[in-house]
Amino acid sequence: MLSKPVKEQPYRIFVIEPLLKDLDHIRSTLEPRGFRVRGFRNGESAVRAALASAPSMFILEADLPDTDGLELCQRIRRTSALTLMPVIFVSARAQEADRVAGLDSGADDYVVKPFGKRELVARVKANLRRCYELTQSKPIRFGQVEIDPEAVTIKVKGVCVKTSLAEFRLLEYLTRNPGRTFSRPHLIKMIQSSSRAISPRTVDVYVKRIREKIEEDERHPEYLRTVRRLGYCFHPPSRRHAEN
């Protein structure tokens, strides 16, 4: 007899918002859609809680009482246990420079207050889907490469290849976002696990090492493409190639 499937747990979202009315607005927007929302008035308490029991996503206000929201986002990206979790700014800072700064700090998305409820729900679902539903806990396969997020391993033609944690995170992050080009500074924020300064050129070294392990011809890479003057992009194989 087949056992009864375990009901999926709802996504847990940590909202760091100092204004109670804005926190209540976000909560009333997301909870009726099945999300579990936990609110925080400052970043420090949110990080401590996240390290004790990790959420599915962070939603941040840029203006926080104990720290700058951009710095908090960067801290999340530097924390190994939290680095790959999606982060969305929902902020009153509405200038283009503010949005760019938020994304450059490592955020996945930026929503300006006041926002429509449907817009926020759509943004949250899109980022959760990209981060979890498409890849989380399931091996990522392309060509003859398999990435296992749970085991933190990469196999090529069925054989495990040795990679550093930074290389693994870089390849996993790029494959989670196929077709999107990311700058070197952005990629550093996404994979960095300590406060030690890393040069943007270090990303080039990581990419070179990954290509040596997964590409048929590292001089003419099929998967990890260089986008001149911009950064790097994961190019998924065509359906016909994937099926061969």
C-alpha atoms as a PDB file:
ATOM      1  CA  MET A   1       0.000   0.000   0.000  1.00  0.00           C
ATOM      2  CA  LEU A   2       1.352   3.421  -0.935  1.00  0.00           C
ATOM      3  CA  SER A   3       1.907   5.780   1.940  1.00  0.00           C
ATOM      4  CA  LYS A   4       0.022   9.036   1.975  1.00  0.00           C
ATOM      5  CA  PRO A   5       2.166  11.807   0.467  1.00  0.00           C
ATOM      6  CA  VAL A   6       3.423  14.392   2.899  1.00  0.00           C
ATOM      7  CA  LYS A   7       1.756  17.731   2.367  1.00  0.00           C
ATOM      8  CA  GLU A   8       4.178  20.388   1.132  1.00  0.00           C
ATOM      9  CA  GLN A   9       5.158  22.901   3.758  1.00  0.00           C
ATOM     10  CA  PRO A  10       4.323  26.525   2.932  1.00  0.00           C
ATOM     11  CA  TYR A  11       7.140  28.870   2.066  1.00  0.00           C
ATOM     12  CA  ARG A  12       8.415  30.834   5.067  1.00  0.00           C
ATOM     13  CA  ILE A  13       9.207  34.469   4.356  1.00  0.00           C
ATOM     14  CA  PHE A  14      11.135  36.710   6.719  1.00  0.00           C
ATOM     15  CA  VAL A  15      10.080  40.346   6.295  1.00  0.00           C
ATOM     16  CA  ILE A  16      12.431  42.952   7.778  1.00  0.00           C
ATOM     17  CA  GLU A  17      10.316  46.093   7.944  1.00  0.00           C
ATOM     18  CA  PRO A  18      10.521  48.757  10.714  1.00  0.00           C
ATOM     19  CA  LEU A  19       7.107  50.306   9.962  1.00  0.00           C
ATOM     20  CA  LEU A  20       4.347  48.222  11.487  1.00  0.00           C
ATOM     21  CA  LYS A  21       1.713  49.366   8.970  1.00  0.00           C
ATOM     22  CA  ASP A  22       3.923  48.329   6.049  1.00  0.00           C
ATOM     23  CA  LEU A  23       4.731  45.006   7.705  1.00  0.00           C
ATOM     24  CA  ASP A  24       1.016  44.352   8.226  1.00  0.00           C
ATOM     25  CA  HIS A  25       0.346  45.264   4.589  1.00  0.00           C
ATOM     26  CA  ILE A  26       2.924  42.753   3.341  1.00  0.00           C
ATOM     27  CA  ARG A  27       1.608  40.121   5.744  1.00  0.00           C
ATOM     28  CA  SER A  28      -2.010  40.654   4.664  1.00  0.00           C
ATOM     29  CA  THR A  29      -0.907  40.408   1.035  1.00  0.00           C
ATOM     30  CA  LEU A  30       1.044  37.151   1.339  1.00  0.00           C
ATOM     31  CA  GLU A  31      -0.599  35.091   4.079  1.00  0.00           C
ATOM     32  CA  PRO A  32      -3.973  34.696   2.300  1.00  0.00           C
ATOM     33  CA  ARG A  33      -1.984  33.227  -0.615  1.00  0.00           C
ATOM     34  CA  GLY A  34      -0.571  30.471   1.599  1.00  0.00           C
ATOM     35  CA  PHE A  35       2.769  31.968   2.615  1.00  0.00           C
ATOM     36  CA  ARG A  36       3.961  32.012   6.214  1.00  0.00           C
ATOM     37  CA  VAL A  37       5.248  35.463   7.139  1.00  0.00           C
ATOM     38  CA  ARG A  38       7.451  36.289  10.101  1.00  0.00           C
ATOM     39  CA  GLY A  39       8.088  39.964  10.709  1.00  0.00           C
ATOM     40  CA  PHE A  40      11.184  41.669  12.124  1.00  0.00           C
ATOM     41  CA  ARG A  41      11.786  45.309  12.972  1.00  0.00           C
ATOM     42  CA  ASN A  42      15.576  45.107  12.516  1.00  0.00           C
ATOM     43  CA  GLY A  43      18.114  43.105  10.567  1.00  0.00           C
ATOM     44  CA  GLU A  44      20.135  41.647  13.415  1.00  0.00           C
ATOM     45  CA  SER A  45      17.229  39.735  14.924  1.00  0.00           C
ATOM     46  CA  ALA A  46      16.234  38.462  11.473  1.00  0.00           C
ATOM     47  CA  VAL A  47      19.710  37.079  10.748  1.00  0.00           C
ATOM     48  CA  ARG A  48      19.886  35.355  14.137  1.00  0.00           C
ATOM     49  CA  ALA A  49      16.484  33.751  13.555  1.00  0.00           C
ATOM     50  CA  ALA A  50      17.438  32.725  10.015  1.00  0.00           C
ATOM     51  CA  LEU A  51      20.597  30.976  11.206  1.00  0.00           C
ATOM     52  CA  ALA A  52      18.532  29.061  13.758  1.00  0.00           C
ATOM     53  CA  SER A  53      15.807  28.115  11.265  1.00  0.00           C
ATOM     54  CA  ALA A  54      16.294  29.219   7.686  1.00  0.00           C
ATOM     55  CA  PRO A  55      13.423  30.917   5.811  1.00  0.00           C
ATOM     56  CA  SER A  56      12.595  30.431   2.147  1.00  0.00           C
ATOM     57  CA  MET A  57      13.023  34.115   1.299  1.00  0.00           C
ATOM     58  CA  PHE A  58      13.906  37.520   2.723  1.00  0.00           C
ATOM     59  CA  ILE A  59      11.942  40.701   2.022  1.00  0.00           C
ATOM     60  CA  LEU A  60      13.844  43.814   3.092  1.00  0.00           C
ATOM     61  CA  GLU A  61      13.222  47.517   3.492  1.00  0.00           C
ATOM     62  CA  ALA A  62      16.300  49.555   2.534  1.00  0.00           C
ATOM     63  CA  ASP A  63      15.859  51.922   5.511  1.00  0.00           C
ATOM     64  CA  LEU A  64      16.380  49.963   8.732  1.00  0.00           C
ATOM     65  CA  PRO A  65      17.002  51.274  12.253  1.00  0.00           C
ATOM     66  CA  ASP A  66      20.066  49.171  13.067  1.00  0.00           C
ATOM     67  CA  THR A  67      21.775  48.848   9.695  1.00  0.00           C
ATOM     68  CA  ASP A  68      21.478  49.872   6.072  1.00  0.00           C
ATOM     69  CA  GLY A  69      19.345  47.456   4.089  1.00  0.00           C
ATOM     70  CA  LEU A  70      22.004  47.212   1.384  1.00  0.00           C
ATOM     71  CA  GLU A  71      24.574  46.172   3.976  1.00  0.00           C
ATOM     72  CA  LEU A  72      22.147  43.595   5.362  1.00  0.00           C
ATOM     73  CA  CYS A  73      21.629  42.121   1.899  1.00  0.00           C
ATOM     74  CA  GLN A  74      25.387  41.912   1.412  1.00  0.00           C
ATOM     75  CA  ARG A  75      25.706  40.201   4.796  1.00  0.00           C
ATOM     76  CA  ILE A  76      23.122  37.611   3.766  1.00  0.00           C
ATOM     77  CA  ARG A  77      25.096  36.932   0.599  1.00  0.00           C
ATOM     78  CA  ARG A  78      28.308  36.512   2.615  1.00  0.00           C
ATOM     79  CA  THR A  79      26.696  34.033   5.026  1.00  0.00           C
ATOM     80  CA  SER A  80      27.167  30.520   3.682  1.00  0.00           C
ATOM     81  CA  ALA A  81      23.934  29.163   5.193  1.00  0.00           C
ATOM     82  CA  LEU A  82      21.874  31.966   3.625  1.00  0.00           C
ATOM     83  CA  THR A  83      23.737  32.970   0.493  1.00  0.00           C
ATOM     84  CA  LEU A  84      21.485  31.318  -2.111  1.00  0.00           C
ATOM     85  CA  MET A  85      18.151  32.369  -0.596  1.00  0.00           C
ATOM     86  CA  PRO A  86      16.156  34.836  -2.686  1.00  0.00           C
ATOM     87  CA  VAL A  87      16.092  38.419  -1.428  1.00  0.00           C
ATOM     88  CA  ILE A  88      13.564  41.046  -2.514  1.00  0.00           C
ATOM     89  CA  PHE A  89      13.693  44.709  -1.565  1.00  0.00           C
ATOM     90  CA  VAL A  90      10.266  46.239  -0.945  1.00  0.00           C
ATOM     91  CA  SER A  91      11.264  49.801  -0.288  1.00  0.00           C
ATOM     92  CA  ALA A  92      10.164  53.414  -0.276  1.00  0.00           C
ATOM     93  CA  ARG A  93      13.440  54.335  -1.987  1.00  0.00           C
ATOM     94  CA  ALA A  94      12.134  54.770  -5.503  1.00  0.00           C
ATOM     95  CA  GLN A  95      14.915  56.357  -7.561  1.00  0.00           C
ATOM     96  CA  GLU A  96      16.594  54.372 -10.315  1.00  0.00           C
ATOM     97  CA  ALA A  97      19.889  54.661  -8.442  1.00  0.00           C
ATOM     98  CA  ASP A  98      18.231  53.048  -5.399  1.00  0.00           C
ATOM     99  CA  ARG A  99      16.950  50.123  -7.455  1.00  0.00           C
ATOM    100  CA  VAL A 100      20.336  49.624  -9.083  1.00  0.00           C
ATOM    101  CA  ALA A 101      22.078  49.758  -5.692  1.00  0.00           C
ATOM    102  CA  GLY A 102      19.664  47.178  -4.314  1.00  0.00           C
ATOM    103  CA  LEU A 103      20.261  44.758  -7.163  1.00  0.00           C
ATOM    104  CA  ASP A 104      24.017  45.351  -7.044  1.00  0.00           C
ATOM    105  CA  SER A 105      24.009  44.498  -3.336  1.00  0.00           C
ATOM    106  CA  GLY A 106      22.877  40.986  -4.282  1.00  0.00           C
ATOM    107  CA  ALA A 107      19.084  41.231  -4.255  1.00  0.00           C
ATOM    108  CA  ASP A 108      17.081  39.200  -6.753  1.00  0.00           C
ATOM    109  CA  ASP A 109      14.336  41.794  -7.201  1.00  0.00           C
ATOM    110  CA  TYR A 110      13.259  45.287  -6.152  1.00  0.00           C
ATOM    111  CA  VAL A 111       9.662  46.433  -5.585  1.00  0.00           C
ATOM    112  CA  VAL A 112       8.867  50.107  -4.945  1.00  0.00           C
ATOM    113  CA  LYS A 113       6.271  51.214  -2.381  1.00  0.00           C
ATOM    114  CA  PRO A 114       3.395  51.666  -2.740  1.00  0.00           C
ATOM    115  CA  PHE A 115       2.948  48.399  -4.576  1.00  0.00           C
ATOM    116  CA  GLY A 116      -0.036  46.521  -5.925  1.00  0.00           C
ATOM    117  CA  LYS A 117      -0.809  43.277  -4.112  1.00  0.00           C
ATOM    118  CA  ARG A 118      -0.880  41.283  -7.335  1.00  0.00           C
ATOM    119  CA  GLU A 119       2.528  42.641  -8.310  1.00  0.00           C
ATOM    120  CA  LEU A 120       4.148  41.661  -5.009  1.00  0.00           C
ATOM    121  CA  VAL A 121       2.630  38.167  -5.067  1.00  0.00           C
ATOM    122  CA  ALA A 122       3.790  37.677  -8.666  1.00  0.00           C
ATOM    123  CA  ARG A 123       7.336  38.809  -7.851  1.00  0.00           C
ATOM    124  CA  VAL A 124       7.521  36.576  -4.779  1.00  0.00           C
ATOM    125  CA  LYS A 125       6.228  33.537  -6.671  1.00  0.00           C
ATOM    126  CA  ALA A 126       8.579  34.114  -9.601  1.00  0.00           C
ATOM    127  CA  ASN A 127      11.668  34.316  -7.399  1.00  0.00           C
ATOM    128  CA  LEU A 128      10.663  31.332  -5.282  1.00  0.00           C
ATOM    129  CA  ARG A 129       9.935  29.301  -8.396  1.00  0.00           C
ATOM    130  CA  ARG A 130      13.293  30.174  -9.932  1.00  0.00           C
ATOM    131  CA  CYS A 131      15.172  29.336  -6.736  1.00  0.00           C
ATOM    132  CA  TYR A 132      13.282  26.305  -5.423  1.00  0.00           C
ATOM    133  CA  GLU A 133      10.563  24.720  -7.503  1.00  0.00           C
ATOM    134  CA  LEU A 134      12.649  24.329 -10.631  1.00  0.00           C
ATOM    135  CA  THR A 135      15.847  23.088  -8.992  1.00  0.00           C
ATOM    136  CA  GLN A 136      15.804  22.829  -5.221  1.00  0.00           C
ATOM    137  CA  SER A 137      16.578  19.290  -3.974  1.00  0.00           C
ATOM    138  CA  LYS A 138      16.489  17.950  -7.525  1.00  0.00           C
ATOM    139  CA  PRO A 139      19.603  17.289  -9.597  1.00  0.00           C
ATOM    140  CA  ILE A 140      20.214  19.849 -12.327  1.00  0.00           C
ATOM    141  CA  ARG A 141      21.137  18.133 -15.587  1.00  0.00           C
ATOM    142  CA  PHE A 142      22.400  19.514 -18.868  1.00  0.00           C
ATOM    143  CA  GLY A 143      24.423  17.713 -21.486  1.00  0.00           C
ATOM    144  CA  GLN A 144      26.517  15.166 -19.611  1.00  0.00           C
ATOM    145  CA  VAL A 145      26.672  17.286 -16.457  1.00  0.00           C
ATOM    146  CA  GLU A 146      24.683  16.696 -13.264  1.00  0.00           C
ATOM    147  CA  ILE A 147      24.622  19.067 -10.280  1.00  0.00           C
ATOM    148  CA  ASP A 148      23.267  17.706  -7.000  1.00  0.00           C
ATOM    149  CA  PRO A 149      22.333  20.612  -4.662  1.00  0.00           C
ATOM    150  CA  GLU A 150      21.770  18.319  -1.676  1.00  0.00           C
ATOM    151  CA  ALA A 151      25.042  16.390  -1.948  1.00  0.00           C
ATOM    152  CA  VAL A 152      26.914  19.489  -3.213  1.00  0.00           C
ATOM    153  CA  THR A 153      28.499  17.446  -5.995  1.00  0.00           C
ATOM    154  CA  ILE A 154      29.040  17.830  -9.719  1.00  0.00           C
ATOM    155  CA  LYS A 155      29.241  14.820 -12.028  1.00  0.00           C
ATOM    156  CA  VAL A 156      30.460  14.797 -15.607  1.00  0.00           C
ATOM    157  CA  LYS A 157      29.680  11.647 -17.609  1.00  0.00           C
ATOM    158  CA  GLY A 158      28.659  10.014 -14.327  1.00  0.00           C
ATOM    159  CA  VAL A 159      31.952  10.735 -12.562  1.00  0.00           C
ATOM    160  CA  CYS A 160      32.253  13.200  -9.661  1.00  0.00           C
ATOM    161  CA  VAL A 161      34.615  16.062 -10.344  1.00  0.00           C
ATOM    162  CA  LYS A 162      36.366  17.936  -7.568  1.00  0.00           C
ATOM    163  CA  THR A 163      35.277  21.548  -7.114  1.00  0.00           C
ATOM    164  CA  SER A 164      35.656  24.159  -4.424  1.00  0.00           C
ATOM    165  CA  LEU A 165      32.522  25.367  -2.622  1.00  0.00           C
ATOM    166  CA  ALA A 166      32.818  28.711  -4.416  1.00  0.00           C
ATOM    167  CA  GLU A 167      32.981  27.003  -7.809  1.00  0.00           C
ATOM    168  CA  PHE A 168      29.967  24.850  -6.950  1.00  0.00           C
ATOM    169  CA  ARG A 169      27.940  27.883  -5.834  1.00  0.00           C
ATOM    170  CA  LEU A 170      28.890  29.813  -8.947  1.00  0.00           C
ATOM    171  CA  LEU A 171      27.853  27.049 -11.335  1.00  0.00           C
ATOM    172  CA  GLU A 172      24.658  26.309  -9.393  1.00  0.00           C
ATOM    173  CA  TYR A 173      23.666  29.977  -9.323  1.00  0.00           C
ATOM    174  CA  LEU A 174      24.236  30.438 -13.057  1.00  0.00           C
ATOM    175  CA  THR A 175      22.311  27.265 -13.930  1.00  0.00           C
ATOM    176  CA  ARG A 176      19.407  28.397 -11.715  1.00  0.00           C
ATOM    177  CA  ASN A 177      19.179  31.491 -13.910  1.00  0.00           C
ATOM    178  CA  PRO A 178      19.663  30.286 -17.508  1.00  0.00           C
ATOM    179  CA  GLY A 179      20.059  32.964 -20.124  1.00  0.00           C
ATOM    180  CA  ARG A 180      20.674  35.775 -17.606  1.00  0.00           C
ATOM    181  CA  THR A 181      23.950  37.677 -17.677  1.00  0.00           C
ATOM    182  CA  PHE A 182      25.542  38.571 -14.344  1.00  0.00           C
ATOM    183  CA  SER A 183      28.429  40.922 -13.681  1.00  0.00           C
ATOM    184  CA  ARG A 184      31.502  39.771 -11.776  1.00  0.00           C
ATOM    185  CA  PRO A 185      30.695  41.953  -8.720  1.00  0.00           C
ATOM    186  CA  HIS A 186      27.178  40.520  -8.601  1.00  0.00           C
ATOM    187  CA  LEU A 187      28.453  36.952  -8.780  1.00  0.00           C
ATOM    188  CA  ILE A 188      30.929  37.628  -5.972  1.00  0.00           C
ATOM    189  CA  LYS A 189      28.092  38.814  -3.732  1.00  0.00           C
ATOM    190  CA  MET A 190      26.117  35.673  -4.523  1.00  0.00           C
ATOM    191  CA  ILE A 191      28.885  33.167  -3.752  1.00  0.00           C
ATOM    192  CA  GLN A 192      30.999  34.898  -1.123  1.00  0.00           C
ATOM    193  CA  SER A 193      30.964  33.129   2.249  1.00  0.00           C
ATOM    194  CA  SER A 194      33.278  35.358   4.286  1.00  0.00           C
ATOM    195  CA  SER A 195      34.075  39.029   4.746  1.00  0.00           C
ATOM    196  CA  ARG A 196      37.441  38.586   3.017  1.00  0.00           C
ATOM    197  CA  ALA A 197      37.710  40.873   0.014  1.00  0.00           C
ATOM    198  CA  ILE A 198      37.611  39.072  -3.327  1.00  0.00           C
ATOM    199  CA  SER A 199      38.720  40.629  -6.582  1.00  0.00           C
ATOM    200  CA  PRO A 200      36.211  40.543  -9.442  1.00  0.00           C
ATOM    201  CA  ARG A 201      38.884  38.802 -11.475  1.00  0.00           C
ATOM    202  CA  THR A 202      38.671  35.877  -9.074  1.00  0.00           C
ATOM    203  CA  VAL A 203      35.381  35.037 -10.791  1.00  0.00           C
ATOM    204  CA  ASP A 204      37.339  34.598 -14.027  1.00  0.00           C
ATOM    205  CA  VAL A 205      39.536  32.035 -12.273  1.00  0.00           C
ATOM    206  CA  TYR A 206      36.495  30.145 -10.985  1.00  0.00           C
ATOM    207  CA  VAL A 207      34.876  30.135 -14.426  1.00  0.00           C
ATOM    208  CA  LYS A 208      38.090  28.893 -16.040  1.00  0.00           C
ATOM    209  CA  ARG A 209      38.325  26.023 -13.555  1.00  0.00           C
ATOM    210  CA  ILE A 210      34.659  25.087 -14.053  1.00  0.00           C
ATOM    211  CA  ARG A 211      35.046  25.121 -17.826  1.00  0.00           C
ATOM    212  CA  GLU A 212      38.032  22.796 -17.556  1.00  0.00           C
ATOM    213  CA  LYS A 213      35.782  20.310 -15.751  1.00  0.00           C
ATOM    214  CA  ILE A 214      32.451  20.498 -17.605  1.00  0.00           C
ATOM    215  CA  GLU A 215      33.130  21.759 -21.137  1.00  0.00           C
ATOM    216  CA  GLU A 216      34.126  19.554 -24.059  1.00  0.00           C
ATOM    217  CA  ASP A 217      36.355  22.381 -25.290  1.00  0.00           C
ATOM    218  CA  GLU A 218      37.089  24.999 -22.651  1.00  0.00           C
ATOM    219  CA  ARG A 219      38.431  27.386 -25.318  1.00  0.00           C
ATOM    220  CA  HIS A 220      35.033  27.339 -27.032  1.00  0.00           C
ATOM    221  CA  PRO A 221      32.628  26.892 -24.102  1.00  0.00           C
ATOM    222  CA  GLU A 222      29.102  25.713 -24.791  1.00  0.00           C
ATOM    223  CA  TYR A 223      27.563  26.331 -21.370  1.00  0.00           C
ATOM    224  CA  LEU A 224      29.415  29.074 -19.483  1.00  0.00           C
ATOM    225  CA  ARG A 225      29.494  31.947 -21.936  1.00  0.00           C
ATOM    226  CA  THR A 226      31.413  35.187 -21.573  1.00  0.00           C
ATOM    227  CA  VAL A 227      29.331  38.255 -22.400  1.00  0.00           C
ATOM    228  CA  ARG A 228      31.842  40.887 -23.390  1.00  0.00           C
ATOM    229  CA  ARG A 229      32.097  43.841 -20.989  1.00  0.00           C
ATOM    230  CA  LEU A 230      29.181  42.499 -18.935  1.00  0.00           C
ATOM    231  CA  GLY A 231      30.033  39.198 -17.265  1.00  0.00           C
ATOM    232  CA  TYR A 232      28.921  35.589 -17.578  1.00  0.00           C
ATOM    233  CA  CYS A 233      25.825  33.696 -18.629  1.00  0.00           C
ATOM    234  CA  PHE A 234      24.747  30.050 -18.504  1.00  0.00           C
ATOM    235  CA  HIS A 235      23.598  28.933 -21.941  1.00  0.00           C
ATOM    236  CA  PRO A 236      21.441  25.786 -21.676  1.00  0.00           C
ATOM    237  CA  PRO A 237      21.775  23.232 -24.464  1.00  0.00           C
ATOM    238  CA  SER A 238      19.078  23.123 -27.091  1.00  0.00           C
ATOM    239  CA  ARG A 239      16.301  20.560 -26.639  1.00  0.00           C
ATOM    240  CA  ARG A 240      17.617  18.523 -29.558  1.00  0.00           C
ATOM    241  CA  HIS A 241      21.128  18.511 -28.106  1.00  0.00           C
ATOM    242  CA  ALA A 242      19.812  17.648 -24.631  1.00  0.00           C
ATOM    243  CA  GLU A 243      17.954  14.627 -25.986  1.00  0.00           C
ATOM    244  CA  ASN A 244      20.921  13.246 -27.926  1.00  0.00           C
END
